[in-house]
């Protein structure tokens, strides 16, 4: 539900801001291009990543931090069970695999939000908006967006688990670990987005 609302609102905002400029030139139809490329290539993955950092990354840190406080992780080590293999690896794999699916869903909701604005404000027909979106999007944009989401999944899960494992043994430390996990994940997502965008520019894609 959160991804649905955020995706639709971001797509609507892009469409609204684009409409202000493009309407001056009578080029309202290109709002579909703006929203489609922006959502599929970057923004769908970024918004999903921010949501998951705040929700899942913080939850990972809090869960593992609470286990540190309760000495559950020490108990696992005593039984000869690796905390990384038993606690960290499943979380990293789960989020990394789910992020591309959530990204595609956010892309769809963003395009839907742009369609609502296009049909409601710009007097564009739904058929023409969809046709323009289909003509401007290609698999390259989709794969770039999915690669973003895959990288974000790794970043969010690793930072959440790392902060949880580094948590000291107090109640306040659990809250600090959750906060630190969210901030660290978002900072590294921005850095990763800049790096991937620069790399795509170098490769001409």
C-alpha atoms as a PDB file:
ATOM      1  CA  UNK A   1       0.000   0.000   0.000  1.00  0.00           C
ATOM      2  CA  UNK A   2       2.780   2.470   0.819  1.00  0.00           C
ATOM      3  CA  UNK A   3       4.541   1.811  -2.491  1.00  0.00           C
ATOM      4  CA  UNK A   4       1.218   2.202  -4.306  1.00  0.00           C
ATOM      5  CA  UNK A   5       0.478   5.602  -2.791  1.00  0.00           C
ATOM      6  CA  UNK A   6       4.019   6.931  -3.111  1.00  0.00           C
ATOM      7  CA  UNK A   7       4.437   5.705  -6.679  1.00  0.00           C
ATOM      8  CA  UNK A   8       1.175   7.234  -7.817  1.00  0.00           C
ATOM      9  CA  UNK A   9       1.875  10.554  -6.098  1.00  0.00           C
ATOM     10  CA  UNK A  10       5.395  10.829  -7.510  1.00  0.00           C
ATOM     11  CA  UNK A  11       4.104  10.094 -11.013  1.00  0.00           C
ATOM     12  CA  UNK A  12       1.375  12.708 -10.541  1.00  0.00           C
ATOM     13  CA  UNK A  13       3.901  15.289  -9.354  1.00  0.00           C
ATOM     14  CA  UNK A  14       6.171  14.670 -12.348  1.00  0.00           C
ATOM     15  CA  UNK A  15       3.210  14.977 -14.701  1.00  0.00           C
ATOM     16  CA  UNK A  16       1.976  18.157 -13.030  1.00  0.00           C
ATOM     17  CA  UNK A  17       5.403  19.837 -13.099  1.00  0.00           C
ATOM     18  CA  UNK A  18       5.995  18.766 -16.685  1.00  0.00           C
ATOM     19  CA  UNK A  19       2.575  19.993 -17.725  1.00  0.00           C
ATOM     20  CA  UNK A  20       3.321  23.503 -16.473  1.00  0.00           C
ATOM     21  CA  UNK A  21       6.240  23.800 -18.881  1.00  0.00           C
ATOM     22  CA  UNK A  22       5.076  21.702 -21.824  1.00  0.00           C
ATOM     23  CA  UNK A  23       1.602  23.240 -22.017  1.00  0.00           C
ATOM     24  CA  UNK A  24       3.279  26.538 -23.009  1.00  0.00           C
ATOM     25  CA  UNK A  25       4.530  24.888 -26.211  1.00  0.00           C
ATOM     26  CA  UNK A  26       1.429  22.811 -26.865  1.00  0.00           C
ATOM     27  CA  UNK A  27       3.442  19.660 -26.210  1.00  0.00           C
ATOM     28  CA  UNK A  28       1.319  18.152 -23.451  1.00  0.00           C
ATOM     29  CA  UNK A  29       1.598  14.668 -24.910  1.00  0.00           C
ATOM     30  CA  UNK A  30       5.276  14.570 -23.948  1.00  0.00           C
ATOM     31  CA  UNK A  31       4.273  14.464 -20.308  1.00  0.00           C
ATOM     32  CA  UNK A  32       3.870  10.733 -20.941  1.00  0.00           C
ATOM     33  CA  UNK A  33       7.519  10.526 -22.034  1.00  0.00           C
ATOM     34  CA  UNK A  34       8.697  12.488 -18.999  1.00  0.00           C
ATOM     35  CA  UNK A  35       6.784  10.422 -16.470  1.00  0.00           C
ATOM     36  CA  UNK A  36       7.492   7.078 -18.134  1.00  0.00           C
ATOM     37  CA  UNK A  37      11.251   7.511 -18.480  1.00  0.00           C
ATOM     38  CA  UNK A  38      11.706   9.173 -15.070  1.00  0.00           C
ATOM     39  CA  UNK A  39       9.751   6.502 -13.211  1.00  0.00           C
ATOM     40  CA  UNK A  40      11.062   3.433 -15.015  1.00  0.00           C
ATOM     41  CA  UNK A  41      14.687   4.502 -15.237  1.00  0.00           C
ATOM     42  CA  UNK A  42      15.317   5.938 -11.760  1.00  0.00           C
ATOM     43  CA  UNK A  43      12.498   7.297  -9.624  1.00  0.00           C
ATOM     44  CA  UNK A  44      10.516   4.091  -9.213  1.00  0.00           C
ATOM     45  CA  UNK A  45      13.582   2.359  -7.781  1.00  0.00           C
ATOM     46  CA  UNK A  46      14.615   5.368  -5.662  1.00  0.00           C
ATOM     47  CA  UNK A  47      11.200   5.865  -4.073  1.00  0.00           C
ATOM     48  CA  UNK A  48      10.839   2.152  -3.408  1.00  0.00           C
ATOM     49  CA  UNK A  49      14.322   2.126  -1.905  1.00  0.00           C
ATOM     50  CA  UNK A  50      13.560   5.020   0.432  1.00  0.00           C
ATOM     51  CA  UNK A  51      10.355   3.336   1.580  1.00  0.00           C
ATOM     52  CA  UNK A  52      12.081   0.015   2.161  1.00  0.00           C
ATOM     53  CA  UNK A  53      14.985   1.673   3.967  1.00  0.00           C
ATOM     54  CA  UNK A  54      12.541   3.277   6.381  1.00  0.00           C
ATOM     55  CA  UNK A  55      10.455   0.176   6.805  1.00  0.00           C
ATOM     56  CA  UNK A  56      12.553  -2.948   6.274  1.00  0.00           C
ATOM     57  CA  UNK A  57      16.076  -1.627   6.828  1.00  0.00           C
ATOM     58  CA  UNK A  58      15.081  -0.162  10.187  1.00  0.00           C
ATOM     59  CA  UNK A  59      13.232  -3.373  11.068  1.00  0.00           C
ATOM     60  CA  UNK A  60      16.330  -5.476  10.311  1.00  0.00           C
ATOM     61  CA  UNK A  61      18.457  -3.245  12.526  1.00  0.00           C
ATOM     62  CA  UNK A  62      15.902  -3.276  15.345  1.00  0.00           C
ATOM     63  CA  UNK A  63      15.416  -7.048  15.193  1.00  0.00           C
ATOM     64  CA  UNK A  64      19.109  -7.868  15.239  1.00  0.00           C
ATOM     65  CA  UNK A  65      19.784  -5.133  17.795  1.00  0.00           C
ATOM     66  CA  UNK A  66      17.167  -6.605  20.111  1.00  0.00           C
ATOM     67  CA  UNK A  67      18.770 -10.014  19.659  1.00  0.00           C
ATOM     68  CA  UNK A  68      22.103  -8.492  20.675  1.00  0.00           C
ATOM     69  CA  UNK A  69      20.535  -6.978  23.807  1.00  0.00           C
ATOM     70  CA  UNK A  70      18.928 -10.329  24.717  1.00  0.00           C
ATOM     71  CA  UNK A  71      22.203 -12.178  24.005  1.00  0.00           C
ATOM     72  CA  UNK A  72      20.455 -14.375  21.448  1.00  0.00           C
ATOM     73  CA  UNK A  73      23.264 -13.887  18.938  1.00  0.00           C
ATOM     74  CA  UNK A  74      25.800 -14.984  21.555  1.00  0.00           C
ATOM     75  CA  UNK A  75      23.684 -18.082  22.134  1.00  0.00           C
ATOM     76  CA  UNK A  76      23.787 -18.891  18.418  1.00  0.00           C
ATOM     77  CA  UNK A  77      27.576 -18.615  18.422  1.00  0.00           C
ATOM     78  CA  UNK A  78      27.697 -20.874  21.495  1.00  0.00           C
ATOM     79  CA  UNK A  79      25.729 -23.527  19.595  1.00  0.00           C
ATOM     80  CA  UNK A  80      28.177 -23.206  16.694  1.00  0.00           C
ATOM     81  CA  UNK A  81      25.663 -21.479  14.391  1.00  0.00           C
ATOM     82  CA  UNK A  82      26.993 -18.596  12.317  1.00  0.00           C
ATOM     83  CA  UNK A  83      24.822 -15.486  12.875  1.00  0.00           C
ATOM     84  CA  UNK A  84      25.750 -14.241   9.407  1.00  0.00           C
ATOM     85  CA  UNK A  85      24.531 -17.404   7.690  1.00  0.00           C
ATOM     86  CA  UNK A  86      21.483 -17.856   9.933  1.00  0.00           C
ATOM     87  CA  UNK A  87      20.299 -14.249  10.391  1.00  0.00           C
ATOM     88  CA  UNK A  88      21.943 -11.960   7.830  1.00  0.00           C
ATOM     89  CA  UNK A  89      22.066 -13.996   4.610  1.00  0.00           C
ATOM     90  CA  UNK A  90      18.310 -14.830   4.471  1.00  0.00           C
ATOM     91  CA  UNK A  91      17.400 -11.179   5.008  1.00  0.00           C
ATOM     92  CA  UNK A  92      19.809  -9.951   2.335  1.00  0.00           C
ATOM     93  CA  UNK A  93      18.604 -12.532  -0.192  1.00  0.00           C
ATOM     94  CA  UNK A  94      14.915 -11.863   0.552  1.00  0.00           C
ATOM     95  CA  UNK A  95      15.090  -8.085   0.137  1.00  0.00           C
ATOM     96  CA  UNK A  96      17.422  -8.231  -2.871  1.00  0.00           C
ATOM     97  CA  UNK A  97      15.036 -10.565  -4.699  1.00  0.00           C
ATOM     98  CA  UNK A  98      11.890  -8.610  -3.790  1.00  0.00           C
ATOM     99  CA  UNK A  99      13.122  -5.111  -4.628  1.00  0.00           C
ATOM    100  CA  UNK A 100      12.887  -5.511  -8.452  1.00  0.00           C
ATOM    101  CA  UNK A 101       9.263  -6.680  -8.148  1.00  0.00           C
ATOM    102  CA  UNK A 102       8.379  -3.719  -5.934  1.00  0.00           C
ATOM    103  CA  UNK A 103      10.214  -1.421  -8.353  1.00  0.00           C
ATOM    104  CA  UNK A 104       8.182  -2.612 -11.340  1.00  0.00           C
ATOM    105  CA  UNK A 105       5.001  -2.153  -9.313  1.00  0.00           C
ATOM    106  CA  UNK A 106       6.062   1.383  -8.324  1.00  0.00           C
ATOM    107  CA  UNK A 107       6.808   2.133 -12.000  1.00  0.00           C
ATOM    108  CA  UNK A 108       3.307   1.025 -12.957  1.00  0.00           C
ATOM    109  CA  UNK A 109       1.690   3.107 -10.223  1.00  0.00           C
ATOM    110  CA  UNK A 110       3.766   6.148 -11.194  1.00  0.00           C
ATOM    111  CA  UNK A 111       2.709   5.874 -14.823  1.00  0.00           C
ATOM    112  CA  UNK A 112      -0.884   5.472 -13.660  1.00  0.00           C
ATOM    113  CA  UNK A 113      -0.555   8.653 -11.592  1.00  0.00           C
ATOM    114  CA  UNK A 114       0.787  10.489 -14.642  1.00  0.00           C
ATOM    115  CA  UNK A 115      -2.102   9.150 -16.701  1.00  0.00           C
ATOM    116  CA  UNK A 116      -4.615  10.504 -14.201  1.00  0.00           C
ATOM    117  CA  UNK A 117      -3.047  13.968 -14.354  1.00  0.00           C
ATOM    118  CA  UNK A 118      -2.722  13.802 -18.147  1.00  0.00           C
ATOM    119  CA  UNK A 119      -6.348  12.863 -18.611  1.00  0.00           C
ATOM    120  CA  UNK A 120      -7.655  15.186 -15.927  1.00  0.00           C
ATOM    121  CA  UNK A 121      -5.596  18.337 -16.510  1.00  0.00           C
ATOM    122  CA  UNK A 122      -4.253  18.160 -20.042  1.00  0.00           C
ATOM    123  CA  UNK A 123      -7.267  16.742 -21.859  1.00  0.00           C
ATOM    124  CA  UNK A 124      -5.238  13.819 -23.147  1.00  0.00           C
ATOM    125  CA  UNK A 125      -7.051  10.596 -23.907  1.00  0.00           C
ATOM    126  CA  UNK A 126      -5.976   7.517 -22.016  1.00  0.00           C
ATOM    127  CA  UNK A 127      -5.280   5.707 -25.295  1.00  0.00           C
ATOM    128  CA  UNK A 128      -2.952   8.426 -26.596  1.00  0.00           C
ATOM    129  CA  UNK A 129      -1.146   8.677 -23.252  1.00  0.00           C
ATOM    130  CA  UNK A 130      -0.580   4.911 -23.109  1.00  0.00           C
ATOM    131  CA  UNK A 131       0.516   4.799 -26.748  1.00  0.00           C
ATOM    132  CA  UNK A 132       3.050   7.596 -26.175  1.00  0.00           C
ATOM    133  CA  UNK A 133       4.365   5.866 -23.061  1.00  0.00           C
ATOM    134  CA  UNK A 134       4.788   2.580 -24.922  1.00  0.00           C
ATOM    135  CA  UNK A 135       6.576   4.279 -27.810  1.00  0.00           C
ATOM    136  CA  UNK A 136       9.101   6.048 -25.587  1.00  0.00           C
ATOM    137  CA  UNK A 137       9.936   3.221 -23.181  1.00  0.00           C
ATOM    138  CA  UNK A 138      12.230   0.366 -24.105  1.00  0.00           C
ATOM    139  CA  UNK A 139      13.840  -2.557 -22.308  1.00  0.00           C
ATOM    140  CA  UNK A 140      17.042  -0.583 -21.722  1.00  0.00           C
ATOM    141  CA  UNK A 141      15.236   1.834 -19.415  1.00  0.00           C
ATOM    142  CA  UNK A 142      13.555  -1.048 -17.623  1.00  0.00           C
ATOM    143  CA  UNK A 143      16.799  -2.960 -17.080  1.00  0.00           C
ATOM    144  CA  UNK A 144      18.524   0.161 -15.740  1.00  0.00           C
ATOM    145  CA  UNK A 145      15.681   0.660 -13.256  1.00  0.00           C
ATOM    146  CA  UNK A 146      15.788  -2.986 -12.208  1.00  0.00           C
ATOM    147  CA  UNK A 147      19.558  -2.795 -11.746  1.00  0.00           C
ATOM    148  CA  UNK A 148      19.051   0.246  -9.503  1.00  0.00           C
ATOM    149  CA  UNK A 149      16.523  -1.665  -7.412  1.00  0.00           C
ATOM    150  CA  UNK A 150      18.774  -4.738  -7.182  1.00  0.00           C
ATOM    151  CA  UNK A 151      21.664  -2.624  -5.904  1.00  0.00           C
ATOM    152  CA  UNK A 152      19.366  -0.795  -3.487  1.00  0.00           C
ATOM    153  CA  UNK A 153      18.132  -4.108  -2.097  1.00  0.00           C
ATOM    154  CA  UNK A 154      21.705  -5.142  -1.311  1.00  0.00           C
ATOM    155  CA  UNK A 155      22.526  -1.756   0.241  1.00  0.00           C
ATOM    156  CA  UNK A 156      19.413  -1.585   2.442  1.00  0.00           C
ATOM    157  CA  UNK A 157      19.634  -5.143   3.712  1.00  0.00           C
ATOM    158  CA  UNK A 158      23.377  -5.020   4.393  1.00  0.00           C
ATOM    159  CA  UNK A 159      23.250  -1.685   6.206  1.00  0.00           C
ATOM    160  CA  UNK A 160      20.254  -2.765   8.278  1.00  0.00           C
ATOM    161  CA  UNK A 161      21.912  -6.021   9.297  1.00  0.00           C
ATOM    162  CA  UNK A 162      25.287  -4.349   9.879  1.00  0.00           C
ATOM    163  CA  UNK A 163      23.845  -1.714  12.207  1.00  0.00           C
ATOM    164  CA  UNK A 164      21.881  -4.385  14.042  1.00  0.00           C
ATOM    165  CA  UNK A 165      24.937  -6.583  14.534  1.00  0.00           C
ATOM    166  CA  UNK A 166      26.961  -3.557  15.724  1.00  0.00           C
ATOM    167  CA  UNK A 167      24.304  -2.583  18.271  1.00  0.00           C
ATOM    168  CA  UNK A 168      25.460  -2.278  21.866  1.00  0.00           C
ATOM    169  CA  UNK A 169      23.461  -3.825  24.666  1.00  0.00           C
ATOM    170  CA  UNK A 170      20.972  -1.182  25.729  1.00  0.00           C
ATOM    171  CA  UNK A 171      17.445  -0.203  24.768  1.00  0.00           C
ATOM    172  CA  UNK A 172      18.493   3.203  23.433  1.00  0.00           C
ATOM    173  CA  UNK A 173      21.160   1.554  21.263  1.00  0.00           C
ATOM    174  CA  UNK A 174      18.447  -0.385  19.406  1.00  0.00           C
ATOM    175  CA  UNK A 175      16.736   2.878  18.440  1.00  0.00           C
ATOM    176  CA  UNK A 176      20.075   4.395  17.438  1.00  0.00           C
ATOM    177  CA  UNK A 177      20.830   1.353  15.273  1.00  0.00           C
ATOM    178  CA  UNK A 178      17.490   1.633  13.463  1.00  0.00           C
ATOM    179  CA  UNK A 179      17.985   5.360  12.843  1.00  0.00           C
ATOM    180  CA  UNK A 180      21.547   4.850  11.657  1.00  0.00           C
ATOM    181  CA  UNK A 181      20.473   2.050   9.307  1.00  0.00           C
ATOM    182  CA  UNK A 182      17.927   4.289   7.551  1.00  0.00           C
ATOM    183  CA  UNK A 183      20.276   7.259   7.187  1.00  0.00           C
ATOM    184  CA  UNK A 184      23.205   5.142   6.011  1.00  0.00           C
ATOM    185  CA  UNK A 185      21.074   3.261   3.487  1.00  0.00           C
ATOM    186  CA  UNK A 186      19.606   6.440   1.974  1.00  0.00           C
ATOM    187  CA  UNK A 187      23.033   8.109   1.699  1.00  0.00           C
ATOM    188  CA  UNK A 188      24.521   5.083  -0.029  1.00  0.00           C
ATOM    189  CA  UNK A 189      21.502   4.813  -2.345  1.00  0.00           C
ATOM    190  CA  UNK A 190      22.051   8.395  -3.481  1.00  0.00           C
ATOM    191  CA  UNK A 191      25.742   7.674  -4.066  1.00  0.00           C
ATOM    192  CA  UNK A 192      24.881   4.488  -5.969  1.00  0.00           C
ATOM    193  CA  UNK A 193      22.314   6.341  -8.096  1.00  0.00           C
ATOM    194  CA  UNK A 194      24.886   8.971  -9.032  1.00  0.00           C
ATOM    195  CA  UNK A 195      27.464   6.302  -9.873  1.00  0.00           C
ATOM    196  CA  UNK A 196      25.065   4.242 -11.992  1.00  0.00           C
ATOM    197  CA  UNK A 197      23.799   7.354 -13.819  1.00  0.00           C
ATOM    198  CA  UNK A 198      27.379   8.424 -14.587  1.00  0.00           C
ATOM    199  CA  UNK A 199      28.237   4.906 -15.763  1.00  0.00           C
ATOM    200  CA  UNK A 200      25.179   4.801 -18.033  1.00  0.00           C
ATOM    201  CA  UNK A 201      26.215   8.158 -19.498  1.00  0.00           C
ATOM    202  CA  UNK A 202      29.706   6.838 -20.195  1.00  0.00           C
ATOM    203  CA  UNK A 203      28.255   3.747 -21.867  1.00  0.00           C
ATOM    204  CA  UNK A 204      25.732   5.815 -23.819  1.00  0.00           C
ATOM    205  CA  UNK A 205      22.655   4.026 -22.496  1.00  0.00           C
END
